[in-house]
């Protein structure tokens, strides 16, 4: 009976009945949504995975917040690359001291495995925090028993001493199991130093080459002296592995009687001696103290593609040097002159690059791009890195560098055109940068294998091989920068060194 009455009522007033049904449905839907929101808020308020404290949370780029909370497969292995560098050089840097009161690094819900003394393993959720920083942003839990305070590892992460910072980014490496052609592995300390009149300079390389995980490796010390648009003299010596000592925990390096030593204040003590490669019998000895400028460093990157590896860091992007440079006992005193130091590692057979580092007024500029020997590997944009007296300033990624090959060099019997000028530019949001390079001097080396008078094969360069562009071009010149960063104009001019291939 009730069903029949309801049906007749709907049939008698169909539009009124439809309106009532729609209204009732909307009301029920709204109620469901409100209840769901309330339940979600309550669940989030109780969630141990939420990071508390502060007013802004910095997360890995591209991370889905819900995936991170629910622990989905897409949330695994997320991290912020170079987090300590981001902390020191950006968030907690002197540049933003008036805007950022406190910063706290935190790792939440990381899956680890705890192993007991009897060999049993248990999955655990781990949290990583630095106590003083977490207290500063108001996110610290109440300590009921015991102490919760910074240890030495926390201090090194937040504020390492100069020598700790150098050893952190400038130590040597071992090739991983995935690396192919380990006999082409090479790693080296490189220094350059420029005379006060900027007319003479030296390139100093301590190269460890070969498969360092076996017995088939050794050392090569190479020093190039150059006078602008004048003579080039090359000195070098090869060392058996028994006379070479390197470390994967510090930046110290021993090459027989030559060495690189990190001093307690973070300066580098560089001592090197070698004979001229022409067989003239001339000897060169170098003793330098290289002092990195505060905050002016590049923390390092490592590119991996299949069996190819290329790593690079610059502990002394802007530096000064003092010491002596002696040829056959005749010494030149160097006092507070421009210097630079970087560190490279990886597989180098067939590899070429564009690279440059220069001062530009109050700024210091670094740019580079590596071209792997495998031509099927995609070529990334250039990386351009800019610092000032307060440290990191900006990163740009121009697609290309344009050269004007207006200089002519003779390399053996070959006439080679090399750059006289270069330029690149980029726009990143509202930030812009243009760099113009004027080349004042250039030298070129044929890196292809060759045979000496005795018929023995030797290389034109310790890292040489057959390449599409076999001539390694080293240039000295000036760089001029212009543009805007954070709405403020930037400009500057200074001296630097640049490299490319032809």
Protein backbone atom coordinates (compact mmCIF):
# COMPACT_ATOMS: atom_id res chain seq x y z
CA UNK A 1 0.00 0.00 0.00
CA UNK A 2 2.75 2.49 0.96
CA UNK A 3 4.66 1.74 -2.22
CA UNK A 4 1.54 2.29 -4.32
CA UNK A 5 0.85 5.65 -2.65
CA UNK A 6 4.47 6.77 -3.17
CA UNK A 7 4.40 5.80 -6.85
CA UNK A 8 1.08 7.64 -7.47
CA UNK A 9 2.40 10.74 -5.68
CA UNK A 10 5.52 10.76 -7.89
CA UNK A 11 3.41 10.27 -11.02
CA UNK A 12 0.98 13.06 -9.96
CA UNK A 13 3.76 15.63 -9.25
CA UNK A 14 6.84 14.41 -11.21
CA UNK A 15 8.79 17.71 -11.32
CA UNK A 16 8.23 18.44 -7.66
CA UNK A 17 9.35 14.92 -6.79
CA UNK A 18 12.50 15.24 -8.95
CA UNK A 19 13.41 18.52 -7.25
CA UNK A 20 13.04 16.91 -3.84
CA UNK A 21 15.22 13.95 -4.87
CA UNK A 22 17.96 16.24 -6.22
CA UNK A 23 17.92 18.41 -3.09
CA UNK A 24 18.12 15.39 -0.82
CA UNK A 25 21.00 13.94 -2.85
CA UNK A 26 22.98 17.20 -2.73
CA UNK A 27 22.46 17.40 1.03
CA UNK A 28 23.72 13.86 1.55
CA UNK A 29 26.77 14.49 -0.72
CA UNK A 30 27.70 17.68 1.17
CA UNK A 31 27.44 15.84 4.46
CA UNK A 32 29.72 13.04 3.17
CA UNK A 33 32.31 15.56 1.98
CA UNK A 34 32.28 17.44 5.30
CA UNK A 35 32.65 14.24 7.26
CA UNK A 36 35.53 13.13 5.00
CA UNK A 37 37.35 16.45 5.45
CA UNK A 38 36.93 16.25 9.19
CA UNK A 39 38.24 12.70 9.26
CA UNK A 40 41.25 13.69 7.09
CA UNK A 41 42.09 16.62 9.35
CA UNK A 42 41.89 14.41 12.39
CA UNK A 43 44.06 11.76 10.72
CA UNK A 44 46.68 14.31 9.70
CA UNK A 45 46.72 15.81 13.18
CA UNK A 46 47.58 12.37 14.55
CA UNK A 47 50.07 11.46 11.78
CA UNK A 48 53.64 10.88 12.97
CA UNK A 49 54.87 11.50 9.40
CA UNK A 50 54.07 15.20 9.41
CA UNK A 51 57.04 17.54 9.94
CA UNK A 52 56.29 20.23 12.48
CA UNK A 53 57.80 23.60 13.23
CA UNK A 54 58.71 26.57 11.09
CA UNK A 55 56.56 28.38 8.55
CA UNK A 56 57.91 26.91 5.28
CA UNK A 57 58.76 23.28 4.47
CA UNK A 58 61.22 22.55 1.64
CA UNK A 59 60.62 19.20 -0.12
CA UNK A 60 62.24 17.39 -3.08
CA UNK A 61 61.14 18.78 -6.45
CA UNK A 62 58.28 16.84 -8.04
CA UNK A 63 57.27 15.03 -4.86
CA UNK A 64 53.56 14.23 -4.43
CA UNK A 65 52.69 15.08 -0.82
CA UNK A 66 50.04 12.36 -0.56
CA UNK A 67 52.44 9.77 -1.98
CA UNK A 68 55.00 10.80 0.63
CA UNK A 69 52.43 10.44 3.43
CA UNK A 70 50.92 7.15 2.32
CA UNK A 71 54.30 5.59 1.54
CA UNK A 72 53.47 4.59 -2.05
CA UNK A 73 56.13 3.19 -4.34
CA UNK A 74 56.54 6.63 -5.94
CA UNK A 75 57.55 8.06 -2.58
CA UNK A 76 60.59 5.81 -2.15
CA UNK A 77 64.16 7.11 -2.35
CA UNK A 78 63.24 10.80 -2.43
CA UNK A 79 65.89 13.10 -1.04
CA UNK A 80 67.18 16.64 -1.48
CA UNK A 81 70.49 16.47 -3.31
CA UNK A 82 73.32 18.43 -1.68
CA UNK A 83 71.07 19.24 1.28
CA UNK A 84 74.00 20.42 3.42
CA UNK A 85 75.09 22.81 0.64
CA UNK A 86 71.53 24.13 0.33
CA UNK A 87 71.45 24.66 4.09
CA UNK A 88 74.81 26.45 4.35
CA UNK A 89 74.85 28.43 1.12
CA UNK A 90 71.16 29.34 0.71
CA UNK A 91 68.74 28.89 3.59
CA UNK A 92 71.15 29.60 6.47
CA UNK A 93 73.57 31.81 4.53
CA UNK A 94 74.49 35.37 5.58
CA UNK A 95 72.63 36.64 2.50
CA UNK A 96 69.21 35.83 4.01
CA UNK A 97 70.01 36.36 7.67
CA UNK A 98 67.54 39.25 7.87
CA UNK A 99 64.72 37.17 6.37
CA UNK A 100 65.26 33.62 7.66
CA UNK A 101 65.47 33.24 11.43
CA UNK A 102 66.14 29.49 11.66
CA UNK A 103 66.41 26.42 9.44
CA UNK A 104 66.17 22.76 10.46
CA UNK A 105 67.02 19.74 8.27
CA UNK A 106 64.78 16.77 9.01
CA UNK A 107 64.36 13.23 7.64
CA UNK A 108 61.06 11.55 8.46
CA UNK A 109 60.04 7.90 8.29
CA UNK A 110 63.14 6.52 6.57
CA UNK A 111 63.07 2.71 6.41
CA UNK A 112 66.15 1.11 7.97
CA UNK A 113 67.02 -2.35 9.24
CA UNK A 114 68.39 -2.96 12.71
CA UNK A 115 70.53 -6.07 13.16
CA UNK A 116 70.88 -7.65 16.60
CA UNK A 117 73.97 -9.34 17.98
CA UNK A 118 72.54 -12.76 17.13
CA UNK A 119 72.07 -11.77 13.47
CA UNK A 120 68.34 -11.10 13.41
CA UNK A 121 67.09 -8.08 11.44
CA UNK A 122 64.11 -5.85 12.18
CA UNK A 123 62.62 -3.11 9.96
CA UNK A 124 62.48 0.23 11.75
CA UNK A 125 61.33 3.73 10.88
CA UNK A 126 64.13 6.23 11.48
CA UNK A 127 64.01 9.98 11.97
CA UNK A 128 67.03 12.21 11.44
CA UNK A 129 67.26 15.68 12.96
CA UNK A 130 69.84 18.12 14.29
CA UNK A 131 68.73 18.95 17.83
CA UNK A 132 69.77 22.62 18.00
CA UNK A 133 68.20 23.37 14.62
CA UNK A 134 64.97 21.54 15.45
CA UNK A 135 64.70 23.43 18.74
CA UNK A 136 65.23 26.71 16.84
CA UNK A 137 62.18 26.17 14.59
CA UNK A 138 60.00 25.02 17.47
CA UNK A 139 59.63 21.43 16.30
CA UNK A 140 61.46 19.55 19.05
CA UNK A 141 59.65 16.87 21.02
CA UNK A 142 59.60 17.07 24.79
CA UNK A 143 62.55 15.18 26.28
CA UNK A 144 61.33 13.15 29.26
CA UNK A 145 64.58 11.35 30.10
CA UNK A 146 68.19 11.96 29.09
CA UNK A 147 69.69 14.61 26.81
CA UNK A 148 69.06 15.50 23.21
CA UNK A 149 71.83 17.73 21.90
CA UNK A 150 74.16 18.12 18.93
CA UNK A 151 77.05 15.72 18.49
CA UNK A 152 80.16 16.21 16.36
CA UNK A 153 78.45 14.86 13.24
CA UNK A 154 75.66 17.42 13.62
CA UNK A 155 78.23 20.21 13.93
CA UNK A 156 80.10 19.07 10.82
CA UNK A 157 76.85 18.98 8.83
CA UNK A 158 75.81 22.51 9.85
CA UNK A 159 79.15 24.31 10.18
CA UNK A 160 82.23 22.27 9.20
CA UNK A 161 85.65 23.73 9.79
CA UNK A 162 87.54 24.78 6.62
CA UNK A 163 89.62 21.59 6.62
CA UNK A 164 86.50 19.42 7.19
CA UNK A 165 84.74 21.13 4.28
CA UNK A 166 87.72 20.60 1.97
CA UNK A 167 88.03 16.92 2.84
CA UNK A 168 84.26 16.47 2.45
CA UNK A 169 84.19 17.62 -1.19
CA UNK A 170 87.81 17.14 -2.37
CA UNK A 171 88.61 13.52 -1.45
CA UNK A 172 89.45 10.87 -4.06
CA UNK A 173 87.13 8.09 -5.28
CA UNK A 174 87.10 4.47 -6.37
CA UNK A 175 85.22 3.38 -9.52
CA UNK A 176 82.00 1.52 -8.77
CA UNK A 177 81.28 -2.00 -10.01
CA UNK A 178 79.14 -0.57 -12.84
CA UNK A 179 82.04 1.40 -14.38
CA UNK A 180 83.26 0.01 -17.71
CA UNK A 181 86.81 0.39 -19.12
CA UNK A 182 88.40 0.95 -15.75
CA UNK A 183 91.80 1.27 -17.37
CA UNK A 184 90.65 4.69 -18.61
CA UNK A 185 89.71 5.85 -15.09
CA UNK A 186 91.48 9.08 -14.11
CA UNK A 187 91.25 11.46 -11.18
CA UNK A 188 93.26 14.56 -10.48
CA UNK A 189 93.92 17.71 -8.49
CA UNK A 190 94.31 20.73 -10.77
CA UNK A 191 95.67 24.13 -9.79
CA UNK A 192 96.37 27.25 -11.79
CA UNK A 193 98.19 30.36 -10.68
CA UNK A 194 98.50 33.72 -12.45
CA UNK A 195 101.33 36.24 -12.02
CA UNK A 196 100.50 39.68 -10.63
CA UNK A 197 100.96 41.33 -14.05
CA UNK A 198 98.70 38.61 -15.54
CA UNK A 199 101.24 37.86 -18.28
CA UNK A 200 102.53 34.51 -16.97
CA UNK A 201 100.78 31.50 -15.48
CA UNK A 202 101.15 27.87 -14.54
CA UNK A 203 98.84 24.86 -14.84
CA UNK A 204 99.61 22.11 -12.31
CA UNK A 205 97.97 18.66 -12.50
CA UNK A 206 98.42 15.69 -10.15
CA UNK A 207 96.79 12.85 -12.14
CA UNK A 208 96.03 9.34 -10.86
CA UNK A 209 95.26 7.13 -13.86
CA UNK A 210 94.29 3.52 -14.52
CA UNK A 211 92.26 0.92 -12.68
CA UNK A 212 92.99 1.92 -9.08
CA UNK A 213 91.15 -1.19 -7.85
CA UNK A 214 93.90 -3.34 -9.38
CA UNK A 215 97.68 -3.10 -9.72
CA UNK A 216 97.49 -1.42 -13.12
CA UNK A 217 97.62 2.27 -12.28
CA UNK A 218 100.07 5.05 -11.51
CA UNK A 219 100.58 8.79 -11.29
CA UNK A 220 101.44 11.58 -13.70
CA UNK A 221 102.58 15.03 -12.59
CA UNK A 222 102.22 17.64 -15.33
CA UNK A 223 103.10 21.35 -15.13
CA UNK A 224 102.74 23.84 -17.95
CA UNK A 225 104.38 27.29 -17.81
CA UNK A 226 103.12 29.86 -20.26
CA UNK A 227 104.00 33.44 -21.18
CA UNK A 228 101.19 35.35 -22.86
CA UNK A 229 101.61 35.04 -26.65
CA UNK A 230 105.05 33.65 -25.98
CA UNK A 231 106.80 30.44 -24.99
CA UNK A 232 105.20 27.33 -23.52
CA UNK A 233 107.29 24.98 -21.38
CA UNK A 234 106.03 21.60 -20.18
CA UNK A 235 107.42 19.71 -17.23
CA UNK A 236 106.36 16.30 -16.03
CA UNK A 237 107.14 13.01 -14.42
CA UNK A 238 105.49 9.60 -14.27
CA UNK A 239 105.30 7.69 -11.00
CA UNK A 240 104.74 4.05 -10.17
CA UNK A 241 101.74 3.37 -7.96
CA UNK A 242 104.07 2.48 -5.08
CA UNK A 243 105.03 6.18 -4.87
CA UNK A 244 101.46 7.48 -4.99
CA UNK A 245 99.17 7.83 -1.98
CA UNK A 246 95.57 9.05 -2.26
CA UNK A 247 92.63 8.82 0.12
CA UNK A 248 88.86 8.42 -0.20
CA UNK A 249 88.37 10.32 3.08
CA UNK A 250 90.64 13.36 2.67
CA UNK A 251 92.13 15.55 -0.06
CA UNK A 252 95.80 14.89 0.74
CA UNK A 253 97.86 13.41 -2.09
CA UNK A 254 101.46 12.17 -2.21
CA UNK A 255 103.35 11.89 -5.52
CA UNK A 256 106.83 10.79 -4.50
CA UNK A 257 108.59 13.98 -3.42
CA UNK A 258 105.65 16.10 -4.64
CA UNK A 259 102.43 16.44 -2.71
CA UNK A 260 99.18 18.28 -1.98
CA UNK A 261 98.46 18.79 1.72
CA UNK A 262 95.40 20.39 3.29
CA UNK A 263 96.48 22.61 6.20
CA UNK A 264 94.46 23.02 9.43
CA UNK A 265 93.03 26.36 8.24
CA UNK A 266 91.80 24.85 4.94
CA UNK A 267 94.63 26.23 2.79
CA UNK A 268 96.43 23.95 0.33
CA UNK A 269 100.18 23.39 0.55
CA UNK A 270 101.27 22.45 -2.99
CA UNK A 271 104.79 21.16 -3.62
CA UNK A 272 105.87 19.82 -7.00
CA UNK A 273 109.11 19.17 -8.87
CA UNK A 274 109.62 17.83 -12.39
CA UNK A 275 111.96 17.89 -15.40
CA UNK A 276 111.23 19.55 -18.71
CA UNK A 277 109.69 17.11 -21.18
CA UNK A 278 111.87 18.26 -24.10
CA UNK A 279 114.89 16.60 -22.51
CA UNK A 280 116.71 19.88 -21.95
CA UNK A 281 117.55 18.83 -18.40
CA UNK A 282 115.85 21.89 -16.90
CA UNK A 283 114.08 21.33 -13.60
CA UNK A 284 111.07 23.07 -12.13
CA UNK A 285 110.09 23.28 -8.48
CA UNK A 286 106.89 24.80 -7.17
CA UNK A 287 105.94 25.61 -3.60
CA UNK A 288 102.58 27.34 -3.21
CA UNK A 289 100.11 28.06 -0.46
CA UNK A 290 96.66 28.31 -2.07
CA UNK A 291 94.00 30.00 0.05
CA UNK A 292 90.33 29.51 -0.99
CA UNK A 293 88.07 32.54 -0.58
CA UNK A 294 85.26 31.97 1.97
CA UNK A 295 82.01 30.60 0.51
CA UNK A 296 83.44 30.48 -3.06
CA UNK A 297 83.24 26.79 -3.88
CA UNK A 298 81.23 24.43 -6.09
CA UNK A 299 80.09 21.37 -4.08
CA UNK A 300 80.40 18.91 -6.91
CA UNK A 301 78.37 16.79 -9.32
CA UNK A 302 78.76 13.29 -10.70
CA UNK A 303 77.15 12.32 -14.00
CA UNK A 304 76.57 8.63 -14.73
CA UNK A 305 75.23 7.09 -17.94
CA UNK A 306 75.69 3.35 -18.39
CA UNK A 307 79.40 2.74 -17.80
CA UNK A 308 80.30 6.43 -18.22
CA UNK A 309 81.13 8.49 -15.12
CA UNK A 310 82.20 12.12 -14.90
CA UNK A 311 82.67 13.83 -11.53
CA UNK A 312 83.74 17.38 -10.78
CA UNK A 313 84.08 19.68 -7.78
CA UNK A 314 85.71 23.08 -7.21
CA UNK A 315 86.92 23.59 -3.63
CA UNK A 316 88.66 26.88 -4.55
CA UNK A 317 86.65 28.67 -7.22
CA UNK A 318 88.15 31.98 -6.13
CA UNK A 319 91.52 31.75 -4.41
CA UNK A 320 94.80 33.54 -3.84
CA UNK A 321 98.29 32.04 -3.79
CA UNK A 322 101.70 32.87 -2.44
CA UNK A 323 105.00 31.06 -2.76
CA UNK A 324 107.80 30.42 -5.26
CA UNK A 325 108.14 29.02 -8.74
CA UNK A 326 111.71 28.10 -9.65
CA UNK A 327 113.28 26.98 -12.95
CA UNK A 328 116.89 25.78 -12.69
CA UNK A 329 117.20 27.57 -9.35
CA UNK A 330 115.94 30.93 -10.64
CA UNK A 331 112.86 31.74 -8.58
CA UNK A 332 109.86 34.01 -8.99
CA UNK A 333 108.14 35.15 -5.82
CA UNK A 334 104.36 35.08 -5.93
CA UNK A 335 102.47 37.18 -3.37
CA UNK A 336 98.67 37.23 -3.16
CA UNK A 337 98.16 36.32 -6.82
CA UNK A 338 95.03 34.94 -8.47
CA UNK A 339 94.62 31.16 -8.21
CA UNK A 340 92.09 28.37 -8.68
CA UNK A 341 91.71 24.68 -7.76
CA UNK A 342 89.36 21.95 -8.95
CA UNK A 343 89.11 18.15 -8.83
CA UNK A 344 87.95 15.74 -11.55
CA UNK A 345 87.29 12.01 -11.69
CA UNK A 346 85.74 9.49 -14.04
CA UNK A 347 86.09 7.80 -17.44
CA UNK A 348 87.85 10.07 -19.92
CA UNK A 349 88.60 8.15 -23.11
CA UNK A 350 87.07 10.07 -26.02
CA UNK A 351 85.58 12.70 -23.68
CA UNK A 352 85.68 16.42 -24.55
CA UNK A 353 84.29 19.49 -22.83
CA UNK A 354 83.68 23.22 -22.75
CA UNK A 355 84.82 24.79 -19.50
CA UNK A 356 85.75 28.12 -17.99
CA UNK A 357 86.32 29.83 -14.65
CA UNK A 358 86.82 33.55 -14.29
CA UNK A 359 86.58 36.43 -11.91
CA UNK A 360 84.16 39.20 -12.93
CA UNK A 361 84.46 42.07 -10.48
CA UNK A 362 82.83 41.04 -7.20
CA UNK A 363 81.52 37.86 -8.86
CA UNK A 364 83.21 34.59 -9.80
CA UNK A 365 81.91 32.54 -12.68
CA UNK A 366 82.14 28.83 -13.47
CA UNK A 367 80.69 27.15 -16.54
CA UNK A 368 81.03 23.74 -18.13
CA UNK A 369 79.58 20.91 -20.15
CA UNK A 370 80.96 17.40 -20.81
CA UNK A 371 80.60 15.60 -24.16
CA UNK A 372 80.83 11.81 -23.55
CA UNK A 373 82.77 9.68 -26.01
CA UNK A 374 79.52 7.79 -26.73
CA UNK A 375 77.84 9.94 -29.37
CA UNK A 376 74.44 8.37 -28.60
CA UNK A 377 74.42 9.93 -25.11
CA UNK A 378 72.28 13.05 -24.90
CA UNK A 379 74.13 16.32 -24.37
CA UNK A 380 72.78 18.36 -21.44
CA UNK A 381 72.71 22.18 -21.36
CA UNK A 382 75.71 23.96 -19.93
CA UNK A 383 75.84 24.59 -16.21
CA UNK A 384 76.72 28.17 -15.23
CA UNK A 385 77.40 28.79 -11.56
CA UNK A 386 77.81 32.25 -10.04
CA UNK A 387 79.08 33.25 -6.60
CA UNK A 388 79.93 36.48 -4.78
CA UNK A 389 81.43 37.28 -1.37
CA UNK A 390 78.40 35.76 0.40
CA UNK A 391 78.58 32.51 -1.56
CA UNK A 392 76.16 30.97 -4.05
CA UNK A 393 74.29 33.58 -6.12
CA UNK A 394 72.60 31.84 -9.07
CA UNK A 395 72.59 28.93 -11.53
CA UNK A 396 71.88 29.30 -15.25
CA UNK A 397 71.54 26.65 -17.99
CA UNK A 398 72.27 28.12 -21.45
CA UNK A 399 71.81 25.69 -24.33
CA UNK A 400 75.02 26.56 -26.14
CA UNK A 401 78.18 28.64 -26.20
CA UNK A 402 79.00 30.55 -29.39
CA UNK A 403 82.65 30.87 -30.46
CA UNK A 404 84.26 33.17 -32.99
CA UNK A 405 87.35 31.32 -34.29
CA UNK A 406 89.48 34.37 -35.06
CA UNK A 407 92.89 33.11 -33.89
CA UNK A 408 95.30 30.84 -35.75
CA UNK A 409 97.68 28.38 -34.07
CA UNK A 410 100.25 25.99 -35.49
CA UNK A 411 100.11 22.55 -33.88
CA UNK A 412 102.81 20.37 -35.40
CA UNK A 413 102.29 20.77 -39.13
CA UNK A 414 98.62 21.74 -38.76
CA UNK A 415 97.22 25.27 -38.92
CA UNK A 416 94.36 25.35 -36.44
CA UNK A 417 91.68 28.00 -36.00
CA UNK A 418 90.79 28.56 -32.35
CA UNK A 419 88.44 30.97 -30.55
CA UNK A 420 89.15 34.66 -30.22
CA UNK A 421 85.79 35.37 -28.60
CA UNK A 422 82.97 33.45 -26.99
CA UNK A 423 79.55 34.22 -25.55
CA UNK A 424 76.46 32.63 -24.01
CA UNK A 425 73.29 33.84 -22.34
CA UNK A 426 70.27 32.51 -20.49
CA UNK A 427 66.97 33.62 -18.96
CA UNK A 428 65.63 31.91 -15.83
CA UNK A 429 62.30 33.47 -14.92
CA UNK A 430 63.03 37.13 -14.21
CA UNK A 431 66.80 36.47 -13.90
CA UNK A 432 69.08 37.01 -16.89
CA UNK A 433 72.79 36.51 -17.54
CA UNK A 434 75.04 37.25 -20.51
CA UNK A 435 78.73 36.34 -20.56
CA UNK A 436 81.19 37.65 -23.16
CA UNK A 437 84.71 36.18 -23.31
CA UNK A 438 87.67 37.88 -25.01
CA UNK A 439 90.59 35.50 -25.59
CA UNK A 440 94.03 37.05 -25.03
CA UNK A 441 96.13 33.89 -25.41
CA UNK A 442 95.62 30.29 -26.51
CA UNK A 443 97.61 27.08 -26.79
CA UNK A 444 96.51 23.79 -28.35
CA UNK A 445 97.56 20.18 -27.79
CA UNK A 446 96.99 17.24 -30.15
CA UNK A 447 95.59 14.57 -27.81
CA UNK A 448 95.84 11.70 -30.31
CA UNK A 449 98.38 8.94 -29.65
CA UNK A 450 101.70 9.38 -31.45
CA UNK A 451 105.09 7.67 -31.62
CA UNK A 452 108.38 9.12 -30.50
CA UNK A 453 111.78 8.84 -32.22
CA UNK A 454 112.33 5.39 -30.66
CA UNK A 455 109.07 4.13 -32.16
CA UNK A 456 107.33 3.95 -28.79
CA UNK A 457 103.72 5.08 -28.57
CA UNK A 458 103.11 8.09 -26.37
CA UNK A 459 100.19 10.44 -25.93
CA UNK A 460 100.00 14.08 -26.72
CA UNK A 461 98.05 14.37 -23.47
CA UNK A 462 97.72 11.99 -20.46
CA UNK A 463 93.97 11.69 -21.15
CA UNK A 464 94.20 11.62 -24.91
CA UNK A 465 92.54 9.26 -27.37
CA UNK A 466 91.07 9.21 -30.84
CA UNK A 467 88.39 11.92 -30.88
CA UNK A 468 86.29 13.71 -33.45
CA UNK A 469 87.80 16.94 -32.07
CA UNK A 470 91.35 15.92 -31.06
CA UNK A 471 92.87 19.34 -30.31
CA UNK A 472 92.62 20.46 -26.70
CA UNK A 473 92.58 24.28 -26.58
CA UNK A 474 93.49 26.14 -23.37
CA UNK A 475 92.78 29.87 -23.33
CA UNK A 476 93.41 32.82 -21.07
CA UNK A 477 91.35 35.98 -21.33
CA UNK A 478 88.74 38.24 -19.79
CA UNK A 479 85.09 37.59 -19.05
CA UNK A 480 82.45 40.31 -18.89
CA UNK A 481 79.08 39.54 -17.28
CA UNK A 482 75.82 41.49 -17.36
CA UNK A 483 72.21 40.83 -16.43
CA UNK A 484 69.78 40.94 -13.52
CA UNK A 485 69.30 38.69 -10.48
CA UNK A 486 66.45 39.18 -7.99
CA UNK A 487 65.58 42.41 -9.78
CA UNK A 488 69.06 43.89 -9.27
CA UNK A 489 71.50 44.56 -12.13
CA UNK A 490 74.80 42.67 -12.08
CA UNK A 491 78.01 43.41 -13.97
CA UNK A 492 81.72 42.76 -13.72
CA UNK A 493 84.89 42.04 -15.65
CA UNK A 494 87.86 39.87 -14.71
CA UNK A 495 90.52 37.42 -15.82
CA UNK A 496 90.00 33.71 -16.22
CA UNK A 497 90.93 30.51 -18.04
CA UNK A 498 88.80 28.65 -20.57
CA UNK A 499 88.96 25.31 -22.43
CA UNK A 500 87.40 23.72 -25.48
CA UNK A 501 88.24 21.29 -28.30
CA UNK A 502 88.78 21.65 -32.02
